[in-house]
Amino acid sequence: MKEDASVRTLISAATLFLLTVPALAQTPQLDPGEKLEKLQFPAVTMQLKGWTKFGNSHVYTLPVRAGQHVKIDFATKSKFAFLAIFDLSKPDDEAFFGTDEDGMRFETTVKENTTWLMRPYYSKVSPRRGLGAPFSILIEPLAAAPKQQPPAEPQQPSLFPKAPVKQQ
């Protein structure tokens, strides 16, 4: 009986730990001075404006659900300001999209429920003047893409016309 109680206690503790792991994975690691702004997935286009001042920038979390279509545009006049998007449900800390390599627009259909962290930043490795740059982020929900039907086979010329459809 004593063993059963200790085994149950161990299983309960392990279960509680495993239930808290996804919650921990959803908590972003912020740099000193960053401010977290929690967003909701917009019903219409949402525009965020800010400044990429090193150490005092806003970062944004955006919950997304499987099947949602979304387009994110990043705009700035600075060639040293960028946007990185991370999936907080993944254990690695690599961005799955970055404007420094992938262009200024990201468009996708979400594959699974998760939360994204959008981090605008000013490149630390670039020779630059000033402390940051203004930016704009447009988050646009898109309608479901129409399913593409295979192209119909072209009709071949025939000496015999097709019979009319019989009505009953």
C-alpha atoms as a PDB file:
ATOM      1  CA  MET A   1       0.000   0.000   0.000  1.00  0.00           C
ATOM      2  CA  LYS A   2       2.803   2.384   0.864  1.00  0.00           C
ATOM      3  CA  GLU A   3       4.387   1.736  -2.541  1.00  0.00           C
ATOM      4  CA  ASP A   4       1.085   2.396  -4.322  1.00  0.00           C
ATOM      5  CA  ALA A   5       0.754   5.769  -2.598  1.00  0.00           C
ATOM      6  CA  SER A   6       4.310   6.787  -3.482  1.00  0.00           C
ATOM      7  CA  VAL A   7       3.881   5.618  -7.089  1.00  0.00           C
ATOM      8  CA  ARG A   8       0.620   7.586  -7.353  1.00  0.00           C
ATOM      9  CA  THR A   9       2.323  10.641  -5.891  1.00  0.00           C
ATOM     10  CA  LEU A  10       5.189  10.300  -8.380  1.00  0.00           C
ATOM     11  CA  ILE A  11       2.775   9.901 -11.306  1.00  0.00           C
ATOM     12  CA  SER A  12       0.740  12.906 -10.127  1.00  0.00           C
ATOM     13  CA  ALA A  13       3.872  15.037  -9.857  1.00  0.00           C
ATOM     14  CA  ALA A  14       5.056  13.959 -13.331  1.00  0.00           C
ATOM     15  CA  THR A  15       1.611  14.698 -14.785  1.00  0.00           C
ATOM     16  CA  LEU A  16       1.561  18.172 -13.244  1.00  0.00           C
ATOM     17  CA  PHE A  17       5.045  18.842 -14.632  1.00  0.00           C
ATOM     18  CA  LEU A  18       4.049  17.701 -18.124  1.00  0.00           C
ATOM     19  CA  LEU A  19       0.904  19.850 -18.035  1.00  0.00           C
ATOM     20  CA  THR A  20       2.948  22.946 -17.208  1.00  0.00           C
ATOM     21  CA  VAL A  21       5.524  22.391 -19.988  1.00  0.00           C
ATOM     22  CA  PRO A  22       3.284  23.792 -22.778  1.00  0.00           C
ATOM     23  CA  ALA A  23       2.534  26.819 -20.603  1.00  0.00           C
ATOM     24  CA  LEU A  24       6.255  27.369 -20.105  1.00  0.00           C
ATOM     25  CA  ALA A  25       6.859  27.024 -23.840  1.00  0.00           C
ATOM     26  CA  GLN A  26       4.315  29.805 -24.443  1.00  0.00           C
ATOM     27  CA  THR A  27       6.160  32.307 -22.221  1.00  0.00           C
ATOM     28  CA  PRO A  28       8.584  34.350 -24.354  1.00  0.00           C
ATOM     29  CA  GLN A  29      12.064  35.219 -23.130  1.00  0.00           C
ATOM     30  CA  LEU A  30      12.290  39.021 -23.223  1.00  0.00           C
ATOM     31  CA  ASP A  31      15.445  41.079 -23.496  1.00  0.00           C
ATOM     32  CA  PRO A  32      15.992  43.688 -20.766  1.00  0.00           C
ATOM     33  CA  GLY A  33      13.718  46.677 -21.364  1.00  0.00           C
ATOM     34  CA  GLU A  34      11.403  44.935 -23.864  1.00  0.00           C
ATOM     35  CA  LYS A  35       7.675  45.296 -23.283  1.00  0.00           C
ATOM     36  CA  LEU A  36       5.318  42.459 -24.189  1.00  0.00           C
ATOM     37  CA  GLU A  37       2.030  43.306 -25.882  1.00  0.00           C
ATOM     38  CA  LYS A  38      -0.464  40.440 -26.173  1.00  0.00           C
ATOM     39  CA  LEU A  39      -2.583  40.630 -29.316  1.00  0.00           C
ATOM     40  CA  GLN A  40      -5.714  38.789 -30.386  1.00  0.00           C
ATOM     41  CA  PHE A  41      -6.027  37.443 -33.931  1.00  0.00           C
ATOM     42  CA  PRO A  42      -7.735  40.303 -35.778  1.00  0.00           C
ATOM     43  CA  ALA A  43     -11.035  40.044 -37.628  1.00  0.00           C
ATOM     44  CA  VAL A  44      -9.896  42.855 -39.953  1.00  0.00           C
ATOM     45  CA  THR A  45      -6.496  44.294 -40.855  1.00  0.00           C
ATOM     46  CA  MET A  46      -4.555  45.500 -37.804  1.00  0.00           C
ATOM     47  CA  GLN A  47      -1.651  47.958 -37.969  1.00  0.00           C
ATOM     48  CA  LEU A  48       1.033  48.195 -35.300  1.00  0.00           C
ATOM     49  CA  LYS A  49       3.450  51.113 -35.256  1.00  0.00           C
ATOM     50  CA  GLY A  50       6.524  51.408 -33.134  1.00  0.00           C
ATOM     51  CA  TRP A  51      10.194  52.131 -32.745  1.00  0.00           C
ATOM     52  CA  THR A  52      12.983  49.534 -32.675  1.00  0.00           C
ATOM     53  CA  LYS A  53      15.013  51.329 -30.037  1.00  0.00           C
ATOM     54  CA  PHE A  54      17.512  48.805 -28.692  1.00  0.00           C
ATOM     55  CA  GLY A  55      16.426  47.488 -25.316  1.00  0.00           C
ATOM     56  CA  ASN A  56      13.160  49.442 -25.101  1.00  0.00           C
ATOM     57  CA  SER A  57      11.056  47.967 -27.898  1.00  0.00           C
ATOM     58  CA  HIS A  58       7.662  46.335 -27.932  1.00  0.00           C
ATOM     59  CA  VAL A  59       7.393  42.654 -28.815  1.00  0.00           C
ATOM     60  CA  TYR A  60       4.053  41.090 -29.663  1.00  0.00           C
ATOM     61  CA  THR A  61       2.424  37.702 -29.105  1.00  0.00           C
ATOM     62  CA  LEU A  62      -0.233  36.611 -31.584  1.00  0.00           C
ATOM     63  CA  PRO A  63      -2.296  33.462 -30.952  1.00  0.00           C
ATOM     64  CA  VAL A  64      -3.144  31.646 -34.196  1.00  0.00           C
ATOM     65  CA  ARG A  65      -5.344  28.627 -34.880  1.00  0.00           C
ATOM     66  CA  ALA A  66      -4.998  25.831 -37.375  1.00  0.00           C
ATOM     67  CA  GLY A  67      -6.581  26.732 -40.706  1.00  0.00           C
ATOM     68  CA  GLN A  68      -6.335  30.515 -40.318  1.00  0.00           C
ATOM     69  CA  HIS A  69      -4.876  32.354 -43.302  1.00  0.00           C
ATOM     70  CA  VAL A  70      -2.728  35.350 -42.442  1.00  0.00           C
ATOM     71  CA  LYS A  71      -0.491  37.881 -44.153  1.00  0.00           C
ATOM     72  CA  ILE A  72       2.036  39.967 -42.225  1.00  0.00           C
ATOM     73  CA  ASP A  73       3.766  42.953 -43.855  1.00  0.00           C
ATOM     74  CA  PHE A  74       6.708  44.726 -42.224  1.00  0.00           C
ATOM     75  CA  ALA A  75       7.626  48.242 -43.343  1.00  0.00           C
ATOM     76  CA  THR A  76      10.461  50.542 -42.306  1.00  0.00           C
ATOM     77  CA  LYS A  77      12.639  53.169 -43.956  1.00  0.00           C
ATOM     78  CA  SER A  78      15.724  51.847 -42.186  1.00  0.00           C
ATOM     79  CA  LYS A  79      17.878  49.215 -43.822  1.00  0.00           C
ATOM     80  CA  PHE A  80      18.919  48.057 -40.326  1.00  0.00           C
ATOM     81  CA  ALA A  81      15.442  47.330 -38.850  1.00  0.00           C
ATOM     82  CA  PHE A  82      13.989  43.840 -39.163  1.00  0.00           C
ATOM     83  CA  LEU A  83      11.165  41.609 -37.932  1.00  0.00           C
ATOM     84  CA  ALA A  84      11.611  38.053 -36.654  1.00  0.00           C
ATOM     85  CA  ILE A  85       8.671  35.713 -35.975  1.00  0.00           C
ATOM     86  CA  PHE A  86       9.049  32.785 -33.575  1.00  0.00           C
ATOM     87  CA  ASP A  87       6.725  29.876 -32.776  1.00  0.00           C
ATOM     88  CA  LEU A  88       6.500  29.744 -28.980  1.00  0.00           C
ATOM     89  CA  SER A  89       5.335  26.107 -28.995  1.00  0.00           C
ATOM     90  CA  LYS A  90       8.663  24.969 -30.486  1.00  0.00           C
ATOM     91  CA  PRO A  91      11.560  24.253 -28.137  1.00  0.00           C
ATOM     92  CA  ASP A  92      14.201  25.902 -30.330  1.00  0.00           C
ATOM     93  CA  ASP A  93      14.733  29.636 -30.306  1.00  0.00           C
ATOM     94  CA  GLU A  94      15.136  30.012 -34.067  1.00  0.00           C
ATOM     95  CA  ALA A  95      12.794  32.325 -35.947  1.00  0.00           C
ATOM     96  CA  PHE A  96      10.744  30.607 -38.646  1.00  0.00           C
ATOM     97  CA  PHE A  97      10.497  33.917 -40.538  1.00  0.00           C
ATOM     98  CA  GLY A  98      12.797  36.912 -40.661  1.00  0.00           C
ATOM     99  CA  THR A  99      12.645  39.961 -42.908  1.00  0.00           C
ATOM    100  CA  ASP A 100      16.442  40.026 -43.112  1.00  0.00           C
ATOM    101  CA  GLU A 101      16.396  36.819 -45.218  1.00  0.00           C
ATOM    102  CA  ASP A 102      12.796  36.134 -46.234  1.00  0.00           C
ATOM    103  CA  GLY A 103      11.553  39.504 -47.509  1.00  0.00           C
ATOM    104  CA  MET A 104       9.150  42.018 -46.005  1.00  0.00           C
ATOM    105  CA  ARG A 105       5.969  39.908 -46.392  1.00  0.00           C
ATOM    106  CA  PHE A 106       4.938  36.631 -44.778  1.00  0.00           C
ATOM    107  CA  GLU A 107       1.810  34.823 -45.922  1.00  0.00           C
ATOM    108  CA  THR A 108       0.730  31.406 -44.689  1.00  0.00           C
ATOM    109  CA  THR A 109      -2.052  29.060 -43.670  1.00  0.00           C
ATOM    110  CA  VAL A 110      -1.506  28.091 -40.043  1.00  0.00           C
ATOM    111  CA  LYS A 111      -0.964  24.358 -39.615  1.00  0.00           C
ATOM    112  CA  GLU A 112      -1.526  24.019 -35.846  1.00  0.00           C
ATOM    113  CA  ASN A 113      -2.785  26.040 -32.891  1.00  0.00           C
ATOM    114  CA  THR A 114       0.104  28.015 -31.407  1.00  0.00           C
ATOM    115  CA  THR A 115       1.288  31.464 -30.388  1.00  0.00           C
ATOM    116  CA  TRP A 116       3.750  33.505 -32.437  1.00  0.00           C
ATOM    117  CA  LEU A 117       6.189  36.012 -31.006  1.00  0.00           C
ATOM    118  CA  MET A 118       6.819  38.947 -33.356  1.00  0.00           C
ATOM    119  CA  ARG A 119      10.014  40.791 -32.483  1.00  0.00           C
ATOM    120  CA  PRO A 120      10.948  43.961 -34.414  1.00  0.00           C
ATOM    121  CA  TYR A 121      14.634  44.704 -33.889  1.00  0.00           C
ATOM    122  CA  TYR A 122      17.453  46.981 -34.906  1.00  0.00           C
ATOM    123  CA  SER A 123      20.492  45.026 -36.101  1.00  0.00           C
ATOM    124  CA  LYS A 124      23.344  45.063 -33.585  1.00  0.00           C
ATOM    125  CA  VAL A 125      25.973  44.037 -36.134  1.00  0.00           C
ATOM    126  CA  SER A 126      25.312  46.788 -38.662  1.00  0.00           C
ATOM    127  CA  PRO A 127      27.311  49.998 -38.670  1.00  0.00           C
ATOM    128  CA  ARG A 128      24.555  52.470 -37.954  1.00  0.00           C
ATOM    129  CA  ARG A 129      23.704  55.903 -36.722  1.00  0.00           C
ATOM    130  CA  GLY A 130      21.018  56.563 -34.149  1.00  0.00           C
ATOM    131  CA  LEU A 131      19.343  54.363 -31.606  1.00  0.00           C
ATOM    132  CA  GLY A 132      16.594  52.775 -33.633  1.00  0.00           C
ATOM    133  CA  ALA A 133      14.089  53.140 -36.427  1.00  0.00           C
ATOM    134  CA  PRO A 134      10.325  53.478 -36.877  1.00  0.00           C
ATOM    135  CA  PHE A 135       8.412  50.486 -38.213  1.00  0.00           C
ATOM    136  CA  SER A 136       4.921  49.380 -39.143  1.00  0.00           C
ATOM    137  CA  ILE A 137       3.469  45.862 -39.026  1.00  0.00           C
ATOM    138  CA  LEU A 138       0.246  45.028 -40.889  1.00  0.00           C
ATOM    139  CA  ILE A 139      -1.516  41.842 -39.791  1.00  0.00           C
ATOM    140  CA  GLU A 140      -4.187  40.873 -42.282  1.00  0.00           C
ATOM    141  CA  PRO A 141      -6.518  37.875 -41.915  1.00  0.00           C
ATOM    142  CA  LEU A 142      -7.207  36.366 -45.318  1.00  0.00           C
ATOM    143  CA  ALA A 143     -10.231  34.503 -46.616  1.00  0.00           C
ATOM    144  CA  ALA A 144      -9.796  30.813 -47.206  1.00  0.00           C
ATOM    145  CA  ALA A 145      -8.067  30.156 -50.480  1.00  0.00           C
ATOM    146  CA  PRO A 146     -10.469  28.671 -53.020  1.00  0.00           C
ATOM    147  CA  LYS A 147      -9.789  25.016 -53.688  1.00  0.00           C
ATOM    148  CA  GLN A 148      -8.307  24.585 -57.105  1.00  0.00           C
ATOM    149  CA  GLN A 149     -10.070  22.164 -59.391  1.00  0.00           C
ATOM    150  CA  PRO A 150      -8.066  20.251 -61.943  1.00  0.00           C
ATOM    151  CA  PRO A 151      -8.396  21.804 -65.378  1.00  0.00           C
ATOM    152  CA  ALA A 152     -11.068  20.211 -67.531  1.00  0.00           C
ATOM    153  CA  GLU A 153      -9.816  18.293 -70.501  1.00  0.00           C
ATOM    154  CA  PRO A 154     -10.186  20.316 -73.677  1.00  0.00           C
ATOM    155  CA  GLN A 155     -12.944  19.095 -75.935  1.00  0.00           C
ATOM    156  CA  GLN A 156     -11.718  17.343 -79.009  1.00  0.00           C
ATOM    157  CA  PRO A 157     -13.428  18.123 -82.310  1.00  0.00           C
ATOM    158  CA  SER A 158     -15.912  15.427 -83.222  1.00  0.00           C
ATOM    159  CA  LEU A 159     -17.944  14.555 -86.261  1.00  0.00           C
ATOM    160  CA  PHE A 160     -20.738  13.383 -83.996  1.00  0.00           C
ATOM    161  CA  PRO A 161     -22.350  15.878 -81.603  1.00  0.00           C
ATOM    162  CA  LYS A 162     -22.955  14.789 -78.016  1.00  0.00           C
ATOM    163  CA  ALA A 163     -26.399  13.494 -77.215  1.00  0.00           C
ATOM    164  CA  PRO A 164     -28.602  15.895 -75.253  1.00  0.00           C
ATOM    165  CA  VAL A 165     -29.048  15.155 -71.544  1.00  0.00           C
ATOM    166  CA  LYS A 166     -32.232  13.197 -70.920  1.00  0.00           C
ATOM    167  CA  GLN A 167     -34.678  14.800 -68.514  1.00  0.00           C
ATOM    168  CA  GLN A 168     -36.856  12.579 -66.348  1.00  0.00           C
END
